[in-house]
N, C-alpha and C. Protein backbone atom coordinates (compact mmCIF):
# COMPACT_ATOMS: atom_id res chain seq x y z
N UNK A 1 -2.13 -18.03 11.91
CA UNK A 1 -2.29 -16.59 11.80
C UNK A 1 -1.27 -16.05 10.81
N UNK A 2 -1.72 -15.16 9.93
CA UNK A 2 -0.86 -14.58 8.90
C UNK A 2 0.11 -13.59 9.52
N UNK A 3 1.30 -13.54 8.94
CA UNK A 3 2.31 -12.58 9.39
C UNK A 3 1.86 -11.17 9.04
N UNK A 4 2.33 -10.21 9.79
CA UNK A 4 1.96 -8.81 9.57
C UNK A 4 3.19 -7.99 9.19
N UNK A 5 2.92 -6.83 8.59
CA UNK A 5 3.97 -5.87 8.28
C UNK A 5 3.39 -4.47 8.38
N UNK A 6 4.24 -3.47 8.35
CA UNK A 6 3.82 -2.09 8.53
C UNK A 6 3.65 -1.40 7.19
N UNK A 7 2.64 -0.55 7.07
CA UNK A 7 2.43 0.23 5.85
C UNK A 7 2.13 1.67 6.21
N UNK A 8 2.63 2.57 5.37
CA UNK A 8 2.38 4.00 5.49
C UNK A 8 1.94 4.47 4.12
N UNK A 9 0.73 5.03 4.03
CA UNK A 9 0.20 5.57 2.77
C UNK A 9 -0.04 7.05 2.98
N UNK A 10 0.60 7.89 2.15
CA UNK A 10 0.45 9.33 2.35
C UNK A 10 0.46 10.08 1.02
N UNK A 11 -0.06 11.30 1.08
CA UNK A 11 0.00 12.26 -0.02
C UNK A 11 0.76 13.48 0.51
N UNK A 12 1.07 14.44 -0.33
CA UNK A 12 1.74 15.64 0.18
C UNK A 12 0.91 16.39 1.24
N UNK A 13 -0.43 16.21 1.19
CA UNK A 13 -1.32 16.95 2.08
C UNK A 13 -1.72 16.22 3.35
N UNK A 14 -1.75 14.87 3.31
CA UNK A 14 -2.27 14.15 4.47
C UNK A 14 -1.76 12.72 4.55
N UNK A 15 -1.90 12.18 5.72
CA UNK A 15 -1.60 10.77 5.96
C UNK A 15 -2.89 9.99 5.74
N UNK A 16 -2.86 9.03 4.82
CA UNK A 16 -4.05 8.25 4.50
C UNK A 16 -4.19 7.06 5.45
N UNK A 17 -3.08 6.35 5.69
CA UNK A 17 -3.12 5.19 6.58
C UNK A 17 -1.72 4.93 7.10
N UNK A 18 -1.62 4.53 8.37
CA UNK A 18 -0.35 4.17 8.98
C UNK A 18 -0.63 3.10 10.02
N UNK A 19 -0.16 1.88 9.77
CA UNK A 19 -0.40 0.82 10.73
C UNK A 19 0.07 -0.53 10.22
N UNK A 20 -0.19 -1.56 11.03
CA UNK A 20 0.18 -2.92 10.68
C UNK A 20 -0.95 -3.59 9.92
N UNK A 21 -0.58 -4.37 8.90
CA UNK A 21 -1.57 -5.05 8.06
C UNK A 21 -1.09 -6.46 7.73
N UNK A 22 -2.00 -7.24 7.13
CA UNK A 22 -1.68 -8.60 6.68
C UNK A 22 -1.35 -8.64 5.19
N UNK A 23 -2.02 -7.78 4.39
CA UNK A 23 -1.76 -7.78 2.95
C UNK A 23 -2.06 -6.41 2.34
N UNK A 24 -1.46 -6.19 1.17
CA UNK A 24 -1.60 -4.93 0.44
C UNK A 24 -1.68 -5.26 -1.04
N UNK A 25 -2.60 -4.60 -1.75
CA UNK A 25 -2.68 -4.71 -3.20
C UNK A 25 -2.70 -3.29 -3.73
N UNK A 26 -1.75 -2.98 -4.66
CA UNK A 26 -1.61 -1.62 -5.16
C UNK A 26 -1.48 -1.63 -6.68
N UNK A 27 -2.00 -0.57 -7.36
CA UNK A 27 -1.95 -0.51 -8.82
C UNK A 27 -0.60 0.01 -9.32
N UNK A 28 0.18 -0.86 -9.94
CA UNK A 28 1.47 -0.47 -10.51
C UNK A 28 1.32 -0.29 -12.02
N UNK A 29 2.37 0.17 -12.66
CA UNK A 29 2.31 0.47 -14.09
C UNK A 29 1.95 -0.74 -14.95
N UNK A 30 2.40 -1.93 -14.57
CA UNK A 30 2.14 -3.11 -15.39
C UNK A 30 1.12 -4.05 -14.77
N UNK A 31 0.32 -3.55 -13.85
CA UNK A 31 -0.71 -4.36 -13.22
C UNK A 31 -0.67 -4.24 -11.71
N UNK A 32 -1.59 -4.88 -11.05
CA UNK A 32 -1.67 -4.80 -9.60
C UNK A 32 -0.60 -5.67 -8.95
N UNK A 33 0.00 -5.15 -7.88
CA UNK A 33 1.00 -5.88 -7.10
C UNK A 33 0.41 -6.29 -5.77
N UNK A 34 0.59 -7.54 -5.40
CA UNK A 34 0.17 -8.03 -4.09
C UNK A 34 1.38 -8.16 -3.19
N UNK A 35 1.28 -7.63 -1.98
CA UNK A 35 2.39 -7.63 -1.03
C UNK A 35 1.95 -8.31 0.26
N UNK A 36 2.75 -9.26 0.73
CA UNK A 36 2.56 -9.90 2.02
C UNK A 36 3.80 -9.68 2.86
N UNK A 37 3.75 -10.05 4.13
CA UNK A 37 4.92 -9.94 5.01
C UNK A 37 6.08 -10.74 4.42
N UNK A 38 7.28 -10.27 4.68
CA UNK A 38 8.52 -10.89 4.21
C UNK A 38 8.69 -10.85 2.69
N UNK A 39 8.02 -9.91 2.02
CA UNK A 39 8.15 -9.75 0.58
C UNK A 39 9.57 -9.28 0.26
N UNK A 40 10.08 -9.68 -0.87
CA UNK A 40 11.39 -9.22 -1.33
C UNK A 40 11.36 -7.70 -1.53
N UNK A 41 12.48 -7.02 -1.33
CA UNK A 41 12.51 -5.57 -1.55
C UNK A 41 12.09 -5.22 -2.98
N UNK A 42 11.31 -4.16 -3.09
CA UNK A 42 10.81 -3.73 -4.40
C UNK A 42 10.52 -2.23 -4.37
N UNK A 43 10.76 -1.58 -5.49
CA UNK A 43 10.33 -0.19 -5.70
C UNK A 43 9.50 -0.21 -6.97
N UNK A 44 8.30 0.38 -6.93
CA UNK A 44 7.42 0.36 -8.09
C UNK A 44 6.73 1.70 -8.27
N UNK A 45 6.55 2.08 -9.53
CA UNK A 45 5.76 3.27 -9.85
C UNK A 45 4.28 2.88 -9.78
N UNK A 46 3.49 3.74 -9.15
CA UNK A 46 2.06 3.48 -9.00
C UNK A 46 1.25 4.38 -9.92
N UNK A 47 0.10 3.89 -10.33
CA UNK A 47 -0.82 4.63 -11.20
C UNK A 47 -2.17 4.73 -10.49
N UNK A 48 -3.08 5.57 -10.99
CA UNK A 48 -4.40 5.67 -10.36
C UNK A 48 -5.11 4.32 -10.32
N UNK A 49 -5.80 4.06 -9.23
CA UNK A 49 -6.54 2.81 -9.07
C UNK A 49 -6.86 2.54 -7.62
N UNK A 50 -7.37 1.36 -7.35
CA UNK A 50 -7.80 0.96 -6.01
C UNK A 50 -6.65 0.33 -5.24
N UNK A 51 -6.42 0.83 -4.03
CA UNK A 51 -5.44 0.25 -3.11
C UNK A 51 -6.24 -0.47 -2.02
N UNK A 52 -5.97 -1.76 -1.83
CA UNK A 52 -6.68 -2.55 -0.82
C UNK A 52 -5.70 -3.04 0.23
N UNK A 53 -6.14 -2.98 1.48
CA UNK A 53 -5.35 -3.54 2.58
C UNK A 53 -6.24 -4.44 3.41
N UNK A 54 -5.65 -5.46 4.00
CA UNK A 54 -6.34 -6.32 4.96
C UNK A 54 -5.63 -6.10 6.29
N UNK A 55 -6.36 -5.55 7.27
CA UNK A 55 -5.73 -5.22 8.55
C UNK A 55 -5.54 -6.47 9.41
N UNK A 56 -4.98 -6.29 10.58
CA UNK A 56 -4.66 -7.42 11.45
C UNK A 56 -5.89 -8.17 11.95
N UNK A 57 -7.05 -7.52 11.96
CA UNK A 57 -8.28 -8.19 12.37
C UNK A 57 -8.94 -8.94 11.21
N UNK A 58 -8.39 -8.78 9.99
CA UNK A 58 -8.95 -9.44 8.82
C UNK A 58 -9.89 -8.59 8.01
N UNK A 59 -10.17 -7.38 8.47
CA UNK A 59 -11.06 -6.47 7.76
C UNK A 59 -10.35 -5.87 6.55
N UNK A 60 -11.05 -5.79 5.42
CA UNK A 60 -10.49 -5.20 4.21
C UNK A 60 -10.92 -3.74 4.10
N UNK A 61 -9.95 -2.89 3.79
CA UNK A 61 -10.21 -1.46 3.57
C UNK A 61 -9.69 -1.09 2.19
N UNK A 62 -10.34 -0.13 1.54
CA UNK A 62 -9.93 0.28 0.21
C UNK A 62 -9.77 1.80 0.15
N UNK A 63 -8.80 2.22 -0.63
CA UNK A 63 -8.54 3.63 -0.87
C UNK A 63 -8.44 3.82 -2.37
N UNK A 64 -8.88 4.97 -2.87
CA UNK A 64 -8.83 5.26 -4.29
C UNK A 64 -7.68 6.20 -4.57
N UNK A 65 -6.66 5.71 -5.26
CA UNK A 65 -5.54 6.55 -5.67
C UNK A 65 -5.94 7.28 -6.94
N UNK A 66 -5.98 8.59 -6.90
CA UNK A 66 -6.42 9.38 -8.05
C UNK A 66 -5.25 10.01 -8.80
N UNK A 67 -4.04 9.71 -8.37
CA UNK A 67 -2.86 10.24 -9.04
C UNK A 67 -1.75 9.20 -9.06
N UNK A 68 -0.63 9.56 -9.61
CA UNK A 68 0.53 8.67 -9.66
C UNK A 68 1.27 8.69 -8.34
N UNK A 69 2.26 7.81 -8.21
CA UNK A 69 3.07 7.78 -7.00
C UNK A 69 4.10 6.67 -7.09
N UNK A 70 4.61 6.28 -5.94
CA UNK A 70 5.55 5.16 -5.90
C UNK A 70 5.38 4.38 -4.62
N UNK A 71 5.89 3.16 -4.63
CA UNK A 71 5.84 2.28 -3.47
C UNK A 71 7.22 1.68 -3.26
N UNK A 72 7.65 1.65 -2.01
CA UNK A 72 8.89 0.97 -1.64
C UNK A 72 8.56 -0.06 -0.57
N UNK A 73 9.02 -1.28 -0.76
CA UNK A 73 8.83 -2.34 0.22
C UNK A 73 10.20 -2.87 0.60
N UNK A 74 10.48 -2.89 1.90
CA UNK A 74 11.77 -3.39 2.39
C UNK A 74 11.65 -3.72 3.87
N UNK A 75 12.16 -4.87 4.26
CA UNK A 75 12.22 -5.29 5.67
C UNK A 75 10.88 -5.16 6.39
N UNK A 76 9.84 -5.71 5.80
CA UNK A 76 8.48 -5.69 6.39
C UNK A 76 7.95 -4.29 6.63
N UNK A 77 8.30 -3.37 5.74
CA UNK A 77 7.82 -2.00 5.81
C UNK A 77 7.49 -1.55 4.39
N UNK A 78 6.25 -1.11 4.17
CA UNK A 78 5.83 -0.60 2.86
C UNK A 78 5.50 0.88 2.99
N UNK A 79 6.03 1.67 2.07
CA UNK A 79 5.76 3.10 2.05
C UNK A 79 5.16 3.42 0.68
N UNK A 80 3.98 4.02 0.68
CA UNK A 80 3.33 4.45 -0.55
C UNK A 80 3.18 5.96 -0.50
N UNK A 81 3.73 6.65 -1.48
CA UNK A 81 3.62 8.10 -1.58
C UNK A 81 2.85 8.39 -2.86
N UNK A 82 1.69 9.04 -2.73
CA UNK A 82 0.78 9.26 -3.84
C UNK A 82 0.58 10.75 -4.09
N UNK A 83 0.33 11.12 -5.34
CA UNK A 83 -0.01 12.51 -5.66
C UNK A 83 -1.31 12.91 -4.97
N UNK A 84 -2.31 12.02 -5.04
CA UNK A 84 -3.60 12.28 -4.41
C UNK A 84 -4.33 10.96 -4.19
N UNK A 85 -5.19 10.94 -3.18
CA UNK A 85 -5.95 9.73 -2.86
C UNK A 85 -7.17 10.09 -2.02
N UNK A 86 -8.17 9.21 -2.07
CA UNK A 86 -9.38 9.36 -1.27
C UNK A 86 -9.61 8.10 -0.46
N UNK A 87 -10.09 8.26 0.77
CA UNK A 87 -10.35 7.07 1.59
C UNK A 87 -11.81 6.70 1.54
């Protein structure tokens, strides 16, 4: 069984997703970043694009980031703050 970590995806207006997941793929300035549990700490600027998560049951969900933002990953916790996004 794959290790899990916590992710929070939000915009100034709403919470897009908050929960435990197995993997995260997010659009950064120089390409897509893949994040798994126990990833090294990282801060990255995000650009518009598709954000994909695989939840603990193995189901894949996608969100469309329509604005810029940033991502911080540290100690099995990922925080994504976006200008705007659609689920």
